[in-house]
N, C-alpha and C. Protein backbone atom coordinates (compact mmCIF):
# COMPACT_ATOMS: atom_id res chain seq x y z
N MET A 1 106.82 155.88 168.01
CA MET A 1 106.57 156.66 166.71
C MET A 1 104.89 157.11 166.88
N LYS A 2 104.66 158.03 165.92
CA LYS A 2 103.25 159.11 166.32
C LYS A 2 102.11 158.53 166.13
N VAL A 3 101.09 158.90 166.42
CA VAL A 3 99.77 158.21 166.09
C VAL A 3 99.59 158.16 164.66
N GLY A 4 99.79 159.47 164.02
CA GLY A 4 99.58 159.49 162.73
C GLY A 4 100.32 158.32 161.71
N GLU A 5 101.23 157.96 161.95
CA GLU A 5 102.03 156.93 161.57
C GLU A 5 101.57 155.78 161.71
N ILE A 6 101.20 155.43 162.97
CA ILE A 6 100.66 154.04 163.31
C ILE A 6 99.37 153.97 162.54
N GLU A 7 98.51 155.08 162.32
CA GLU A 7 97.28 154.90 162.03
C GLU A 7 97.67 154.77 159.89
N LYS A 8 98.34 155.31 159.66
CA LYS A 8 98.72 155.18 158.09
C LYS A 8 99.36 153.60 157.83
N LEU A 9 100.21 153.42 158.92
CA LEU A 9 100.73 152.07 158.64
C LEU A 9 99.89 150.71 158.67
N LEU A 10 98.82 151.03 159.76
CA LEU A 10 97.46 149.94 159.94
C LEU A 10 96.69 150.13 158.71
N GLU A 11 96.69 151.23 158.34
CA GLU A 11 95.65 151.01 157.09
C GLU A 11 96.25 150.51 155.90
N GLU A 12 97.46 150.56 155.75
CA GLU A 12 98.30 150.10 154.80
C GLU A 12 98.40 148.44 154.76
N PHE A 13 98.77 147.99 156.26
CA PHE A 13 98.48 146.55 156.70
C PHE A 13 97.06 146.04 156.24
N TYR A 14 96.25 146.58 156.43
CA TYR A 14 94.93 146.07 156.31
C TYR A 14 94.63 145.99 155.08
N GLU A 15 95.41 146.82 154.29
CA GLU A 15 95.06 146.79 153.03
C GLU A 15 96.06 145.88 152.10
N GLY A 16 96.75 145.21 152.89
CA GLY A 16 97.71 144.24 152.50
C GLY A 16 99.00 145.01 151.52
N LYS A 17 99.36 146.21 151.76
CA LYS A 17 100.39 146.85 150.97
C LYS A 17 101.67 147.13 152.07
N THR A 18 101.57 146.61 153.14
CA THR A 18 102.96 146.96 153.90
C THR A 18 104.39 145.63 153.46
N THR A 19 105.15 146.12 153.77
CA THR A 19 106.35 145.25 153.32
C THR A 19 106.67 144.46 154.84
N GLU A 20 107.37 143.60 154.86
CA GLU A 20 107.64 142.89 156.10
C GLU A 20 108.32 143.66 157.66
N GLU A 21 109.18 144.46 156.76
CA GLU A 21 109.85 145.30 157.72
C GLU A 21 108.70 146.69 158.42
N GLN A 22 107.63 147.08 157.75
CA GLN A 22 106.56 147.90 158.17
C GLN A 22 106.03 147.10 159.14
N GLU A 23 105.69 145.39 158.81
CA GLU A 23 104.92 144.84 159.87
C GLU A 23 105.89 144.65 161.01
N GLU A 24 106.86 144.42 160.83
CA GLU A 24 107.75 144.06 161.97
C GLU A 24 108.04 145.74 162.94
N ALA A 25 107.86 146.53 162.40
CA ALA A 25 108.02 147.63 163.09
C ALA A 25 106.67 147.91 163.96
N LEU A 26 105.61 147.53 163.26
CA LEU A 26 104.31 147.70 164.01
C LEU A 26 104.38 146.76 165.06
N ARG A 27 104.66 145.63 164.96
CA ARG A 27 104.77 144.62 165.97
C ARG A 27 105.38 145.04 166.88
N GLU A 28 106.69 145.54 166.76
CA GLU A 28 107.69 146.10 167.91
C GLU A 28 106.88 147.16 168.44
N TYR A 29 105.96 147.96 167.85
CA TYR A 29 105.54 149.25 168.46
C TYR A 29 104.52 148.47 169.62
N PHE A 30 103.74 147.33 169.08
CA PHE A 30 102.51 147.14 170.01
C PHE A 30 103.06 146.57 171.00
N GLU A 31 104.11 145.72 170.63
CA GLU A 31 104.68 145.00 172.06
C GLU A 31 105.77 145.58 173.16
N THR A 32 106.26 146.86 172.74
CA THR A 32 107.11 147.72 173.69
C THR A 32 106.24 148.60 174.06
N GLU A 33 105.27 149.54 173.57
CA GLU A 33 105.27 150.59 174.25
C GLU A 33 103.41 150.49 174.50
N GLU A 34 103.13 151.56 175.40
CA GLU A 34 101.60 151.71 175.85
C GLU A 34 101.02 152.23 174.62
N VAL A 35 100.11 151.84 174.13
CA VAL A 35 99.45 152.19 173.34
C VAL A 35 98.00 153.08 173.43
N PRO A 36 97.64 153.82 172.87
CA PRO A 36 96.37 154.71 172.96
C PRO A 36 95.03 153.77 172.92
N GLU A 37 94.12 154.01 173.61
CA GLU A 37 92.82 153.17 173.63
C GLU A 37 92.30 152.64 172.23
N GLN A 38 92.37 153.52 171.41
CA GLN A 38 91.99 153.38 169.86
C GLN A 38 92.70 152.19 168.98
N PHE A 39 93.95 151.74 169.61
CA PHE A 39 94.88 150.88 169.19
C PHE A 39 94.90 149.49 169.93
N LYS A 40 94.34 149.57 170.76
CA LYS A 40 94.05 148.45 171.82
C LYS A 40 93.93 147.25 170.81
N LEU A 41 92.74 147.02 170.36
CA LEU A 41 92.53 145.82 169.56
C LEU A 41 93.39 145.35 168.51
N ASP A 42 94.09 146.38 167.74
CA ASP A 42 95.24 146.15 167.03
C ASP A 42 96.26 145.83 167.50
N GLN A 43 96.49 146.15 168.87
CA GLN A 43 97.86 145.40 169.47
C GLN A 43 97.65 144.12 170.16
N LYS A 44 95.98 143.96 170.05
CA LYS A 44 96.07 142.42 170.71
C LYS A 44 96.44 141.53 169.27
N ILE A 45 95.97 142.17 168.02
CA ILE A 45 96.09 141.10 166.80
C ILE A 45 97.46 141.22 166.61
N PHE A 46 98.32 141.96 167.07
CA PHE A 46 99.66 141.81 166.45
C PHE A 46 100.32 141.26 167.66
N VAL A 47 100.09 141.25 168.68
CA VAL A 47 100.87 140.56 169.94
C VAL A 47 100.52 138.99 169.63
N ASP A 48 98.90 138.81 169.62
CA ASP A 48 98.72 137.18 169.16
C ASP A 48 99.48 136.93 167.91
N TYR A 49 99.68 137.63 166.87
CA TYR A 49 100.20 137.09 165.71
C TYR A 49 101.38 136.59 165.59
N GLY A 50 102.34 137.54 166.96
CA GLY A 50 103.54 137.12 166.99
C GLY A 50 103.93 135.97 168.06
N LYS A 51 102.77 135.45 168.27
CA LYS A 51 102.77 134.09 169.21
C LYS A 51 102.27 132.95 168.35
N VAL A 52 102.26 132.97 167.26
CA VAL A 52 101.66 131.77 166.52
C VAL A 52 102.95 130.82 166.13
N THR A 53 102.39 129.82 166.19
CA THR A 53 103.72 128.87 166.33
C THR A 53 103.53 128.20 164.83
N LYS A 54 104.89 127.44 164.21
CA LYS A 54 104.78 127.32 163.24
C LYS A 54 104.30 125.54 163.05
N VAL A 55 103.28 125.15 162.23
CA VAL A 55 102.68 124.32 162.36
C VAL A 55 103.27 123.25 161.26
N ASP A 56 103.46 121.65 161.45
CA ASP A 56 104.12 120.89 160.72
C ASP A 56 103.08 120.41 159.43
N VAL A 57 103.33 120.56 158.36
CA VAL A 57 102.71 120.27 157.44
C VAL A 57 102.88 118.87 156.91
N PRO A 58 102.05 118.11 156.93
CA PRO A 58 102.58 116.59 156.04
C PRO A 58 103.11 116.71 154.83
N LEU A 59 104.07 116.09 154.32
CA LEU A 59 104.82 115.71 153.52
C LEU A 59 103.70 115.51 151.99
N GLY A 60 103.70 116.28 150.88
CA GLY A 60 102.71 115.89 150.12
C GLY A 60 101.66 116.47 149.97
N LEU A 61 101.30 117.16 150.85
CA LEU A 61 99.83 117.56 151.31
C LEU A 61 99.35 118.53 150.02
N GLU A 62 100.19 119.50 150.22
CA GLU A 62 100.01 120.55 148.95
C GLU A 62 99.80 119.88 147.46
N SER A 63 100.36 118.82 146.88
CA SER A 63 100.19 118.59 145.70
C SER A 63 98.82 117.51 145.79
N LYS A 64 98.74 116.78 147.15
CA LYS A 64 97.50 116.01 147.01
C LYS A 64 95.96 117.15 147.13
N LEU A 65 96.25 118.19 147.52
CA LEU A 65 95.21 119.10 147.75
C LEU A 65 94.69 119.87 146.36
N ILE A 66 96.12 120.07 145.59
CA ILE A 66 96.01 120.53 144.36
C ILE A 66 95.35 119.53 143.29
N LYS A 67 95.88 118.19 143.28
CA LYS A 67 95.41 117.28 142.69
C LYS A 67 93.80 117.08 142.85
N LEU A 68 93.42 116.95 144.02
CA LEU A 68 92.04 116.57 144.27
C LEU A 68 91.36 118.29 144.01
N ILE A 69 91.47 119.15 143.91
CA ILE A 69 91.05 120.58 143.57
C ILE A 69 90.90 120.29 142.05
N ASP A 70 91.90 119.93 141.48
CA ASP A 70 91.70 120.18 139.84
C ASP A 70 90.77 118.85 139.15
N GLU A 71 90.88 117.31 139.96
CA GLU A 71 89.94 116.64 139.70
C GLU A 71 88.57 117.03 139.86
N LYS A 72 88.15 117.51 141.05
CA LYS A 72 86.79 118.10 141.03
C LYS A 72 86.27 119.25 140.38
N ALA A 73 87.36 120.26 139.79
CA ALA A 73 87.14 121.19 138.92
C ALA A 73 86.75 120.69 137.64
N ALA A 74 87.37 119.66 137.37
CA ALA A 74 87.01 119.07 136.06
C ALA A 74 85.68 117.99 136.04
N GLU A 75 85.63 117.29 137.33
CA GLU A 75 84.04 116.58 137.51
C GLU A 75 83.05 117.68 137.48
N GLU A 76 83.32 118.91 137.89
CA GLU A 76 82.38 119.69 138.07
C GLU A 76 82.12 120.24 136.32
N LYS A 77 83.32 120.47 135.94
CA LYS A 77 82.72 121.02 134.39
C LYS A 77 82.18 120.13 133.54
N ARG A 78 82.23 118.72 133.89
CA ARG A 78 81.38 117.76 133.08
C ARG A 78 80.07 117.78 133.76
N PHE A 79 79.86 117.98 134.69
CA PHE A 79 78.69 117.86 135.23
C PHE A 79 77.81 119.16 135.10
N MET A 80 78.45 120.62 134.67
CA MET A 80 77.77 121.46 134.64
C MET A 80 77.42 121.27 133.03
N VAL A 81 78.37 120.62 132.02
CA VAL A 81 77.77 120.65 130.67
C VAL A 81 76.80 119.77 130.87
N LYS A 82 76.82 118.71 131.41
CA LYS A 82 75.64 117.62 131.31
C LYS A 82 74.47 118.26 131.70
N ASN A 83 74.32 119.05 132.71
CA ASN A 83 73.32 119.56 133.47
C ASN A 83 72.67 120.48 132.59
N LYS A 84 73.18 121.33 131.77
CA LYS A 84 72.77 122.28 131.01
C LYS A 84 71.85 121.57 129.99
N THR A 85 72.85 120.44 129.27
CA THR A 85 71.92 119.64 128.21
C THR A 85 70.85 119.00 128.82
N VAL A 86 70.78 118.75 130.06
CA VAL A 86 69.24 118.08 130.43
C VAL A 86 68.57 119.14 130.64
N PHE A 87 68.98 120.45 131.03
CA PHE A 87 68.32 122.19 131.27
C PHE A 87 67.34 121.97 129.65
N ASN A 88 68.30 122.03 128.50
CA ASN A 88 67.58 122.22 127.25
C ASN A 88 66.54 121.14 126.88
N TRP A 89 66.86 119.87 127.41
CA TRP A 89 65.90 118.98 127.10
C TRP A 89 64.63 119.08 127.93
N LYS A 90 64.37 119.27 128.99
CA LYS A 90 63.61 119.89 129.97
C LYS A 90 62.72 120.97 129.26
N ARG A 91 63.32 121.94 128.79
CA ARG A 91 62.75 122.96 128.11
C ARG A 91 62.07 122.79 126.78
N VAL A 92 62.55 121.99 126.02
CA VAL A 92 62.12 120.96 124.79
C VAL A 92 60.87 120.36 125.09
N GLY A 93 61.26 119.38 126.07
CA GLY A 93 60.04 118.70 126.24
C GLY A 93 58.85 119.33 127.01
N SER A 94 58.88 120.36 127.78
CA SER A 94 57.94 120.94 128.29
C SER A 94 56.98 121.68 127.08
N ILE A 95 57.77 122.22 125.83
CA ILE A 95 57.13 122.60 124.95
C ILE A 95 56.26 121.67 124.38
N ALA A 96 56.88 120.60 124.10
CA ALA A 96 56.50 119.45 123.08
C ALA A 96 55.00 118.97 124.11
N ALA A 97 55.11 118.84 125.22
CA ALA A 97 54.41 118.67 126.02
C ALA A 97 52.94 119.48 125.92
N GLY A 98 53.18 120.84 125.90
CA GLY A 98 52.24 121.82 125.76
C GLY A 98 51.43 121.71 124.50
N VAL A 99 52.31 121.47 123.13
CA VAL A 99 51.65 121.50 121.89
C VAL A 99 50.92 120.32 121.90
N LEU A 100 51.24 119.00 122.54
CA LEU A 100 50.71 117.60 122.43
C LEU A 100 49.38 117.67 123.12
N LEU A 101 49.39 118.85 124.18
CA LEU A 101 48.25 118.61 125.16
C LEU A 101 47.15 119.73 124.46
N ILE A 102 47.48 120.50 123.82
CA ILE A 102 46.53 121.47 122.74
C ILE A 102 45.79 120.44 121.68
N VAL A 103 46.93 119.87 120.98
CA VAL A 103 46.42 118.66 120.07
C VAL A 103 45.41 117.68 120.16
N GLY A 104 45.62 117.64 121.85
CA GLY A 104 44.62 116.31 122.10
C GLY A 104 43.50 116.83 122.35
N LEU A 105 43.59 117.90 122.70
CA LEU A 105 42.16 118.54 123.45
C LEU A 105 41.04 118.83 122.01
N ALA A 106 41.84 119.51 121.08
CA ALA A 106 41.18 119.72 119.65
C ALA A 106 40.85 118.42 119.18
N TYR A 107 41.58 117.33 119.51
CA TYR A 107 41.22 115.84 118.65
C TYR A 107 39.73 115.69 119.56
N GLY A 108 40.08 115.70 120.63
CA GLY A 108 38.89 115.33 121.47
C GLY A 108 37.74 115.86 121.50
N ILE A 109 37.54 117.21 121.04
CA ILE A 109 36.52 118.06 121.02
C ILE A 109 35.78 117.72 119.70
N MET A 110 36.72 117.53 118.95
CA MET A 110 36.41 117.28 117.54
C MET A 110 35.52 115.97 117.20
N HIS A 111 35.95 115.00 117.80
CA HIS A 111 35.18 113.58 118.12
C HIS A 111 34.12 113.88 119.29
N LEU A 112 34.40 114.42 120.17
CA LEU A 112 32.95 114.45 120.70
C LEU A 112 31.67 114.83 119.97
N ARG A 113 32.02 115.91 119.16
CA ARG A 113 30.93 116.76 118.38
C ARG A 113 30.18 115.79 117.17
N ASN A 114 31.13 114.79 116.98
CA ASN A 114 30.77 113.73 116.36
C ASN A 114 29.93 112.43 116.68
N GLY A 115 29.89 112.55 117.96
CA GLY A 115 29.29 111.26 118.62
C GLY A 115 30.23 111.02 120.00
N HIS A 116 29.71 109.88 120.55
CA HIS A 116 30.50 109.12 121.75
C HIS A 116 31.84 108.26 120.93
N PRO A 117 32.59 108.31 121.51
CA PRO A 117 33.89 107.53 121.05
C PRO A 117 33.64 106.22 121.01
N LYS A 118 33.81 105.46 119.95
CA LYS A 118 33.78 103.68 119.92
C LYS A 118 34.69 103.09 120.45
N ASP A 119 34.45 101.93 121.08
CA ASP A 119 35.58 101.11 121.76
C ASP A 119 36.51 100.49 120.42
N THR A 120 37.80 100.20 120.95
CA THR A 120 38.67 99.69 120.04
C THR A 120 38.87 98.38 119.84
N PHE A 121 38.16 97.78 120.82
CA PHE A 121 37.97 95.83 121.07
C PHE A 121 36.61 95.67 121.13
N THR A 122 36.37 94.83 120.12
CA THR A 122 34.92 93.92 120.51
C THR A 122 34.88 92.78 121.09
N ASN A 123 36.17 92.15 121.41
CA ASN A 123 36.12 91.26 122.17
C ASN A 123 37.01 91.86 123.39
N PRO A 124 36.61 91.14 124.51
CA PRO A 124 37.02 91.59 125.60
C PRO A 124 38.38 90.79 126.44
N GLN A 125 38.28 90.04 125.38
CA GLN A 125 39.56 88.90 126.04
C GLN A 125 40.81 89.48 125.36
N ASP A 126 40.31 90.37 123.72
CA ASP A 126 41.27 91.03 123.48
C ASP A 126 42.00 92.27 123.92
N ALA A 127 41.02 92.76 124.65
CA ALA A 127 41.29 93.94 125.52
C ALA A 127 42.13 93.76 126.62
N TYR A 128 41.74 92.48 127.36
CA TYR A 128 42.43 92.13 128.39
C TYR A 128 43.95 91.62 128.23
N GLU A 129 44.12 91.21 126.90
CA GLU A 129 45.33 91.05 126.28
C GLU A 129 46.57 92.32 126.33
N ALA A 130 45.70 93.06 125.80
CA ALA A 130 46.34 94.36 125.26
C ALA A 130 46.72 95.14 126.16
N MET A 131 45.92 95.15 127.39
CA MET A 131 46.30 95.92 128.75
C MET A 131 47.45 95.22 129.61
N GLN A 132 47.06 93.77 129.47
CA GLN A 132 48.26 92.91 129.96
C GLN A 132 49.83 93.27 129.50
N ALA A 133 49.78 93.66 128.35
CA ALA A 133 50.98 93.43 127.50
C ALA A 133 51.54 95.02 127.73
N ALA A 134 50.51 95.92 127.67
CA ALA A 134 51.05 97.51 127.99
C ALA A 134 51.34 97.52 129.62
N LEU A 135 50.91 97.09 130.31
CA LEU A 135 51.12 96.60 131.93
C LEU A 135 52.49 96.20 132.12
N TYR A 136 52.95 95.11 131.34
CA TYR A 136 54.01 94.39 131.39
C TYR A 136 55.00 95.19 130.90
N GLU A 137 54.92 95.94 129.81
CA GLU A 137 55.74 96.99 129.41
C GLU A 137 56.16 98.05 130.46
N ILE A 138 55.44 98.51 131.00
CA ILE A 138 55.31 99.65 131.58
C ILE A 138 56.32 98.80 132.98
N SER A 139 55.94 97.81 133.46
CA SER A 139 56.52 97.07 134.72
C SER A 139 58.15 96.82 134.29
N SER A 140 58.32 96.52 133.16
CA SER A 140 59.58 96.04 132.47
C SER A 140 60.55 97.48 132.69
N ASN A 141 59.80 98.43 131.95
CA ASN A 141 60.41 100.04 132.21
C ASN A 141 61.10 100.58 133.44
N LEU A 142 60.42 100.55 134.45
CA LEU A 142 60.17 100.55 135.67
C LEU A 142 61.37 99.78 136.48
N ASN A 143 61.21 98.53 135.83
CA ASN A 143 62.42 97.91 136.61
C ASN A 143 63.80 98.33 135.65
N ASP A 144 63.76 98.51 134.64
CA ASP A 144 65.11 98.96 134.14
C ASP A 144 65.67 100.04 134.61
N GLY A 145 64.62 101.07 134.98
CA GLY A 145 64.77 102.43 135.58
C GLY A 145 65.46 102.26 137.02
N MET A 146 64.77 101.48 137.88
CA MET A 146 65.16 101.15 139.18
C MET A 146 66.52 100.58 138.91
N ALA A 147 66.70 99.85 138.26
CA ALA A 147 68.33 99.10 138.22
C ALA A 147 69.32 99.99 138.19
N GLN A 148 68.84 101.20 136.90
CA GLN A 148 70.27 102.27 136.36
C GLN A 148 70.23 103.16 137.79
N LEU A 149 69.27 103.18 138.53
CA LEU A 149 69.25 103.91 139.64
C LEU A 149 70.07 103.45 140.71
N ILE A 150 69.95 102.07 141.05
CA ILE A 150 70.87 101.24 141.64
C ILE A 150 72.35 101.58 141.36
N GLU A 151 72.67 101.44 140.30
CA GLU A 151 73.75 101.67 139.79
C GLU A 151 74.74 103.19 140.22
N VAL A 152 73.45 104.12 139.83
CA VAL A 152 74.16 105.12 139.91
C VAL A 152 74.13 105.33 141.66
N ARG A 153 73.69 104.99 142.33
CA ARG A 153 73.79 105.20 143.75
C ARG A 153 75.41 104.40 143.94
N GLN A 154 75.32 103.50 143.50
CA GLN A 154 76.53 103.05 143.95
C GLN A 154 77.73 103.50 143.36
N ASP A 155 77.78 104.32 142.09
CA ASP A 155 78.64 105.32 141.88
C ASP A 155 78.86 106.12 142.67
N VAL A 156 77.95 106.68 143.37
CA VAL A 156 77.81 107.99 144.23
C VAL A 156 78.68 107.61 145.48
N ASN A 157 78.16 106.54 146.11
CA ASN A 157 78.70 105.85 147.13
C ASN A 157 80.53 105.73 146.93
N ASN A 158 80.79 105.26 145.97
CA ASN A 158 82.20 104.92 145.84
C ASN A 158 82.67 106.00 145.48
N ILE A 159 82.30 106.89 144.80
CA ILE A 159 83.10 108.76 144.97
C ILE A 159 82.96 109.30 146.06
N SER A 160 82.24 108.94 147.06
CA SER A 160 82.27 109.64 148.15
C SER A 160 83.35 108.86 149.02
N GLN A 161 83.61 107.45 149.03
CA GLN A 161 84.45 106.75 149.89
C GLN A 161 86.06 107.40 149.31
N GLU A 162 86.21 107.51 147.70
CA GLU A 162 87.12 107.98 147.09
C GLU A 162 88.04 109.19 147.67
N ILE A 163 86.65 110.26 148.19
CA ILE A 163 86.80 111.61 148.63
C ILE A 163 87.38 111.56 149.95
N ILE A 164 86.99 110.61 150.82
CA ILE A 164 86.87 110.46 152.20
C ILE A 164 88.32 109.82 152.50
N GLU A 165 88.63 108.77 151.33
CA GLU A 165 90.25 108.39 151.49
C GLU A 165 91.15 109.37 151.04
N GLU A 166 90.88 110.19 150.07
CA GLU A 166 91.76 111.32 149.75
C GLU A 166 91.99 112.53 150.70
N ILE A 167 91.02 112.73 151.40
CA ILE A 167 90.96 113.96 152.28
C ILE A 167 92.05 113.08 153.58
N GLN A 168 91.53 111.94 153.92
CA GLN A 168 92.31 111.50 154.82
C GLN A 168 93.84 111.20 154.33
């Protein structure tokens, strides 16, 4: 083969446009003939490509991989939709927080002009009980949140274990 033909075939090969016959002709050329210096790297590729041995693929591997990919795609789709909703709620929440901050500042400024704020409790025992009730509610809500976090962590661990088992 001439250098121009080899260059044309190599260009088509690297673009993925060659037929099996053309690839076989290139392989034979690189295995049997002395090649110019510019084709030494290509020769190594084709000679090494011819030495590749067939690998035995376990039965059912392709179907398992396809199933796993489909499951992960569906899971990702569900996650992305949920995540988008969370993003929208974050945006709405931040706007609401900004509005509440401005309203709170305006309310505070108006009452400071009218004098010092007055106590809401006249009896210290009532104030103590109200504070205790508020702290109890905060503690209860935090404990509920921690319980939900533990459940989520267990779900994540279970899913990770299933993925590891599927891959193996």
